[in-house]
Amino acid sequence: MDKNAVTVVKVVTVVFIFRARQLFRAVLSTACAGALLASCVFHSTATGAPVRPHTAPAKLNALSRVQLSSELAARITEVRLRAGDRFEKGDVLARFDCTELKAELEGAESQRALARRQLDANISLKQLGGNISELEMVQSEAQLAEATANARILRHRNSYCEVRAPFDGFVIGRSVEPHQRAEVGMPLFELIDNRGLEVEAIIPSGWLEQLSIGDHFQVTINETGRVYRASLQRIVPLVDPVTRTVRVIGKIDQIETAASTPALLISGMSGEAQFELDDTRRDELVAGQPANGAN
């Protein structure tokens, strides 16, 4: 046998071995796929429908987050807290120099007292049959009402001389310093309350038909590495026309972990929300069958 014949035999042998290996791999893949399909069908028969967890990006939002602004145009005399400090509802966060405002209030209270005495004197004079007209009575009543209203306004403005915390929480931002002059509307503090947290997830709009208010789902938080049980509270009725997604909001119910002390959860933490959805329709479409059973 010449060299050319030997070369041809070798090539044919190599091709035969390669094709045999391909055929063996195809048979093995078919067998594995059949076993996997059988497992899926069994799961579907046992539970009534093939259900698989679907994940979506999620984050934690605080229920109470507010920026406090100045209600007065005055000099700041004291700032007690900095970013990261904790406070309780009613604690004084800052104070203003209200010397002039307090003096105005004292003057208004004096005017109100004078108007009150003038009206009482007119009433007594009228009861004794004195010469006092109805117009003078009306004027004295109006003066008392005006003085009372002015004093009430100044009392209300004086209540802004101290900035107090509206709830329990933490300072996450501070924009002023002592001895600085603040103007009306100027930002002072940014506060947050992490005791009440919501879970916000961004899901495909196609999931909406299988979700209802009150449904339970799981949330894995990246920063703690733990899994939390949550319930669906609200569905924002707006679909993003570009991404075809919608926002859903839930509330954490309990911690599904054996740890005795849960890690601190704070606003801004992120992770994944897992929803259990029925894959029947999608599996039918992938297999090339109509979802509604039509030809």
Protein backbone atom coordinates (compact mmCIF):
# COMPACT_ATOMS: atom_id res chain seq x y z
CA MET A 1 0.00 0.00 0.00
CA ASP A 2 1.43 3.33 -1.07
CA LYS A 3 1.67 6.43 1.12
CA ASN A 4 -1.42 8.08 -0.39
CA ALA A 5 -3.60 5.11 0.47
CA VAL A 6 -2.29 5.05 4.02
CA THR A 7 -3.03 8.77 4.39
CA VAL A 8 -6.60 8.31 3.14
CA VAL A 9 -7.20 5.47 5.59
CA LYS A 10 -5.92 7.57 8.47
CA VAL A 11 -8.17 10.50 7.53
CA VAL A 12 -11.23 8.27 7.24
CA THR A 13 -10.45 6.74 10.63
CA VAL A 14 -10.13 10.12 12.32
CA VAL A 15 -13.40 11.34 10.77
CA PHE A 16 -15.18 8.18 11.88
CA ILE A 17 -13.96 8.54 15.47
CA PHE A 18 -14.96 12.25 15.55
CA ARG A 19 -18.47 11.51 14.25
CA ALA A 20 -18.86 8.65 16.72
CA ARG A 21 -17.96 10.94 19.59
CA GLN A 22 -20.49 13.53 18.37
CA LEU A 23 -23.22 10.89 18.17
CA PHE A 24 -22.42 9.67 21.69
CA ARG A 25 -22.60 13.22 23.09
CA ALA A 26 -25.93 13.83 21.37
CA VAL A 27 -27.41 10.65 22.83
CA LEU A 28 -26.11 11.53 26.28
CA SER A 29 -27.55 15.08 26.08
CA THR A 30 -30.91 13.71 24.99
CA ALA A 31 -30.97 11.30 27.92
CA CYS A 32 -30.09 14.07 30.41
CA ALA A 33 -32.68 16.39 28.96
CA GLY A 34 -35.29 13.65 29.19
CA ALA A 35 -34.45 13.04 32.84
CA LEU A 36 -34.63 16.78 33.59
CA LEU A 37 -37.97 17.08 31.79
CA ALA A 38 -39.33 14.15 33.77
CA SER A 39 -38.27 15.84 36.96
CA CYS A 40 -40.00 19.07 35.90
CA VAL A 41 -43.19 17.26 34.97
CA PHE A 42 -43.18 15.50 38.32
CA HIS A 43 -42.78 18.81 40.08
CA SER A 44 -45.63 20.24 38.04
CA THR A 45 -47.88 17.29 38.82
CA ALA A 46 -47.11 17.43 42.52
CA THR A 47 -47.67 21.17 42.94
CA GLY A 48 -50.27 21.76 40.26
CA ALA A 49 -48.11 24.12 38.19
CA PRO A 50 -44.38 24.57 37.54
CA VAL A 51 -43.38 27.39 39.88
CA ARG A 52 -39.90 28.89 39.84
CA PRO A 53 -38.46 31.90 41.69
CA HIS A 54 -37.93 34.98 39.53
CA THR A 55 -35.54 37.65 40.75
CA ALA A 56 -35.68 41.42 40.38
CA PRO A 57 -33.46 44.22 41.70
CA ALA A 58 -34.64 45.70 44.98
CA LYS A 59 -33.67 48.36 47.51
CA LEU A 60 -34.76 49.57 50.94
CA ASN A 61 -36.45 52.95 51.39
CA ALA A 62 -37.17 54.77 54.64
CA LEU A 63 -40.77 55.70 55.38
CA SER A 64 -39.68 58.96 57.05
CA ARG A 65 -37.00 61.08 55.42
CA VAL A 66 -37.22 64.85 55.63
CA GLN A 67 -35.16 67.98 55.14
CA LEU A 68 -35.72 70.61 57.81
CA SER A 69 -35.53 74.23 56.66
CA SER A 70 -35.36 77.48 58.57
CA GLU A 71 -38.64 79.22 59.32
CA LEU A 72 -36.86 82.36 60.53
CA ALA A 73 -34.37 84.90 59.25
CA ALA A 74 -32.09 84.98 62.28
CA ARG A 75 -28.63 84.10 63.57
CA ILE A 76 -28.05 80.51 64.70
CA THR A 77 -26.72 80.35 68.26
CA GLU A 78 -26.46 76.58 68.73
CA VAL A 79 -26.29 73.44 66.58
CA ARG A 80 -26.31 70.28 68.66
CA LEU A 81 -26.04 67.37 66.24
CA ARG A 82 -23.89 66.32 63.31
CA ALA A 83 -24.31 63.77 60.54
CA GLY A 84 -24.64 60.28 62.01
CA ASP A 85 -25.94 61.42 65.40
CA ARG A 86 -29.08 59.80 66.75
CA PHE A 87 -31.98 61.75 68.24
CA GLU A 88 -35.43 61.22 69.72
CA LYS A 89 -38.67 62.93 68.87
CA GLY A 90 -38.81 66.38 70.46
CA ASP A 91 -35.05 66.78 70.95
CA VAL A 92 -33.64 70.25 70.27
CA LEU A 93 -31.46 70.17 67.16
CA ALA A 94 -30.63 73.88 66.89
CA ARG A 95 -31.49 77.29 68.37
CA PHE A 96 -31.84 80.80 66.90
CA ASP A 97 -31.18 84.20 68.41
CA CYS A 98 -34.76 85.45 68.90
CA THR A 99 -34.10 88.49 71.10
CA GLU A 100 -35.95 90.88 68.79
CA LEU A 101 -38.78 88.44 68.16
CA LYS A 102 -39.33 87.91 71.88
CA ALA A 103 -39.42 91.67 72.43
CA GLU A 104 -42.06 91.99 69.70
CA LEU A 105 -44.10 89.30 71.39
CA GLU A 106 -43.92 91.10 74.74
CA GLY A 107 -45.15 94.30 73.08
CA ALA A 108 -47.99 92.44 71.38
CA GLU A 109 -49.04 90.84 74.66
CA SER A 110 -49.10 94.31 76.27
CA GLN A 111 -51.27 95.67 73.45
CA ARG A 112 -53.63 92.73 73.83
CA ALA A 113 -53.91 93.31 77.59
CA LEU A 114 -54.58 97.02 77.02
CA ALA A 115 -57.29 96.29 74.45
CA ARG A 116 -58.84 93.78 76.85
CA ARG A 117 -58.98 96.38 79.67
CA GLN A 118 -60.40 99.01 77.31
CA LEU A 119 -63.21 96.70 76.24
CA ASP A 120 -63.98 95.69 79.84
CA ALA A 121 -64.15 99.37 80.82
CA ASN A 122 -66.54 100.16 77.97
CA ILE A 123 -68.74 97.21 78.91
CA SER A 124 -68.87 98.36 82.57
CA LEU A 125 -69.63 101.94 81.52
CA LYS A 126 -72.46 100.81 79.28
CA GLN A 127 -73.94 98.63 82.02
CA LEU A 128 -73.93 101.65 84.37
CA GLY A 129 -75.78 103.72 81.77
CA GLY A 130 -72.80 105.77 80.72
CA ASN A 131 -72.64 107.73 77.48
CA ILE A 132 -70.95 105.27 75.12
CA SER A 133 -72.03 104.55 71.58
CA GLU A 134 -72.40 101.21 69.85
CA LEU A 135 -69.63 102.22 67.45
CA GLU A 136 -67.18 102.65 70.31
CA MET A 137 -68.08 99.19 71.58
CA VAL A 138 -67.49 97.65 68.16
CA GLN A 139 -64.16 99.47 67.81
CA SER A 140 -62.91 98.28 71.20
CA GLU A 141 -63.89 94.68 70.34
CA ALA A 142 -62.08 94.95 66.99
CA GLN A 143 -58.95 96.32 68.68
CA LEU A 144 -58.90 93.39 71.10
CA ALA A 145 -59.34 90.89 68.26
CA GLU A 146 -56.49 92.50 66.27
CA ALA A 147 -54.15 92.57 69.26
CA THR A 148 -54.98 88.94 70.07
CA ALA A 149 -54.30 87.83 66.50
CA ASN A 150 -51.00 89.71 66.38
CA ALA A 151 -49.87 88.14 69.65
CA ARG A 152 -50.84 84.66 68.37
CA ILE A 153 -48.78 85.18 65.21
CA LEU A 154 -45.72 86.27 67.18
CA ARG A 155 -46.11 83.34 69.59
CA HIS A 156 -46.17 80.99 66.64
CA ARG A 157 -43.04 82.56 65.16
CA ASN A 158 -41.30 82.29 68.52
CA SER A 159 -41.93 78.54 68.48
CA TYR A 160 -39.46 78.35 65.57
CA CYS A 161 -36.63 79.69 67.74
CA GLU A 162 -35.86 76.06 68.58
CA VAL A 163 -35.64 73.40 65.88
CA ARG A 164 -36.99 70.15 67.32
CA ALA A 165 -36.90 66.62 65.92
CA PRO A 166 -40.24 65.53 64.39
CA PHE A 167 -39.53 61.81 64.96
CA ASP A 168 -36.92 59.36 66.27
CA GLY A 169 -34.05 58.87 63.87
CA PHE A 170 -30.62 59.90 62.63
CA VAL A 171 -29.07 63.01 61.13
CA ILE A 172 -27.78 62.22 57.64
CA GLY A 173 -26.99 65.79 56.59
CA ARG A 174 -26.20 69.13 58.27
CA SER A 175 -25.99 72.38 56.32
CA VAL A 176 -25.42 75.04 59.00
CA GLU A 177 -22.95 76.01 61.70
CA PRO A 178 -23.25 78.05 64.92
CA HIS A 179 -23.16 81.86 64.50
CA GLN A 180 -24.26 81.54 60.89
CA ARG A 181 -27.22 83.63 59.77
CA ALA A 182 -30.07 81.65 58.31
CA GLU A 183 -32.71 82.88 55.91
CA VAL A 184 -36.26 81.66 55.56
CA GLY A 185 -36.27 78.39 53.60
CA MET A 186 -32.56 77.71 54.11
CA PRO A 187 -31.82 73.96 54.60
CA LEU A 188 -30.71 73.03 58.11
CA PHE A 189 -30.77 69.25 58.58
CA GLU A 190 -31.68 66.11 56.66
CA LEU A 191 -33.21 63.47 58.90
CA ILE A 192 -34.14 59.83 58.43
CA ASP A 193 -36.02 57.18 60.39
CA ASN A 194 -34.84 53.63 59.63
CA ARG A 195 -37.35 51.95 61.95
CA GLY A 196 -39.90 51.70 59.14
CA LEU A 197 -38.46 50.40 55.87
CA GLU A 198 -40.11 49.53 52.58
CA VAL A 199 -38.80 47.20 49.89
CA GLU A 200 -38.98 48.63 46.38
CA ALA A 201 -38.46 46.22 43.48
CA ILE A 202 -38.34 46.85 39.74
CA ILE A 203 -40.11 43.98 37.95
CA PRO A 204 -41.05 43.27 34.31
CA SER A 205 -44.56 44.45 33.56
CA GLY A 206 -45.41 40.93 32.36
CA TRP A 207 -45.33 39.68 35.95
CA LEU A 208 -48.24 41.86 37.03
CA GLU A 209 -50.93 39.38 35.99
CA GLN A 210 -49.55 36.89 38.52
CA LEU A 211 -49.05 39.29 41.44
CA SER A 212 -51.63 40.54 43.92
CA ILE A 213 -51.57 42.79 46.96
CA GLY A 214 -50.70 40.71 50.02
CA ASP A 215 -48.55 38.16 48.15
CA HIS A 216 -45.41 37.09 49.98
CA PHE A 217 -41.91 37.15 48.52
CA GLN A 218 -38.32 36.96 49.73
CA VAL A 219 -35.66 39.66 49.74
CA THR A 220 -31.93 39.03 49.87
CA ILE A 221 -29.98 42.08 51.07
CA ASN A 222 -26.42 42.30 49.75
CA GLU A 223 -25.03 44.25 52.70
CA THR A 224 -26.22 41.74 55.32
CA GLY A 225 -26.20 38.59 53.22
CA ARG A 226 -29.50 37.56 54.79
CA VAL A 227 -32.93 36.63 53.49
CA TYR A 228 -36.05 38.44 54.68
CA ARG A 229 -39.72 37.63 54.19
CA ALA A 230 -41.85 40.46 52.82
CA SER A 231 -45.40 41.06 51.67
CA LEU A 232 -46.53 43.10 48.68
CA GLN A 233 -48.20 46.35 49.78
CA ARG A 234 -48.53 48.54 46.69
CA ILE A 235 -48.09 48.41 42.94
CA VAL A 236 -47.21 51.71 41.29
CA PRO A 237 -49.65 51.98 38.33
CA LEU A 238 -47.10 53.17 35.77
CA VAL A 239 -45.08 51.09 33.31
CA ASP A 240 -41.79 52.48 32.03
CA PRO A 241 -42.27 52.60 28.24
CA VAL A 242 -38.56 52.01 27.56
CA THR A 243 -37.67 49.20 29.96
CA ARG A 244 -41.22 47.77 30.25
CA THR A 245 -40.81 47.57 34.02
CA VAL A 246 -42.98 48.63 36.95
CA ARG A 247 -42.25 49.47 40.59
CA VAL A 248 -43.75 47.34 43.36
CA ILE A 249 -43.42 48.12 47.06
CA GLY A 250 -43.52 45.69 49.96
CA LYS A 251 -42.94 45.54 53.69
CA ILE A 252 -40.50 43.27 55.51
CA ASP A 253 -42.44 40.87 57.77
CA GLN A 254 -39.82 38.75 59.48
CA ILE A 255 -36.27 37.51 59.20
CA GLU A 256 -35.78 34.01 57.83
CA THR A 257 -32.44 33.27 59.46
CA ALA A 258 -31.23 31.40 62.49
CA ALA A 259 -29.23 34.36 63.76
CA SER A 260 -30.49 35.65 67.08
CA THR A 261 -29.61 39.30 66.42
CA PRO A 262 -30.46 40.67 62.98
CA ALA A 263 -28.02 42.91 61.19
CA LEU A 264 -28.95 46.56 61.02
CA LEU A 265 -31.11 47.41 58.04
CA ILE A 266 -30.87 50.98 56.77
CA SER A 267 -32.30 52.90 53.87
CA GLY A 268 -30.41 52.55 50.60
CA MET A 269 -29.37 48.91 51.03
CA SER A 270 -29.90 46.87 47.88
CA GLY A 271 -30.38 43.28 46.87
CA GLU A 272 -32.77 40.99 45.03
CA ALA A 273 -36.45 40.21 45.45
CA GLN A 274 -37.57 36.66 44.62
CA PHE A 275 -41.13 36.11 43.40
CA GLU A 276 -42.57 32.64 42.76
CA LEU A 277 -44.33 32.74 39.40
CA ASP A 278 -45.99 30.15 37.18
CA ASP A 279 -43.77 29.29 34.19
CA THR A 280 -46.43 27.31 32.27
CA ARG A 281 -47.15 29.98 29.71
CA ARG A 282 -43.52 30.82 29.09
CA ASP A 283 -42.57 27.13 28.77
CA GLU A 284 -45.32 26.64 26.17
CA LEU A 285 -44.08 29.58 24.14
CA VAL A 286 -40.50 28.35 24.28
CA ALA A 287 -41.65 24.90 23.08
CA GLY A 288 -43.41 26.53 20.13
CA GLN A 289 -46.98 25.95 21.38
CA PRO A 290 -49.57 28.71 21.53
CA ALA A 291 -50.22 29.99 25.05
CA ASN A 292 -54.01 29.81 24.57
CA GLY A 293 -54.02 26.37 23.01
CA ALA A 294 -55.09 27.63 19.56
CA ASN A 295 -53.65 26.24 16.33
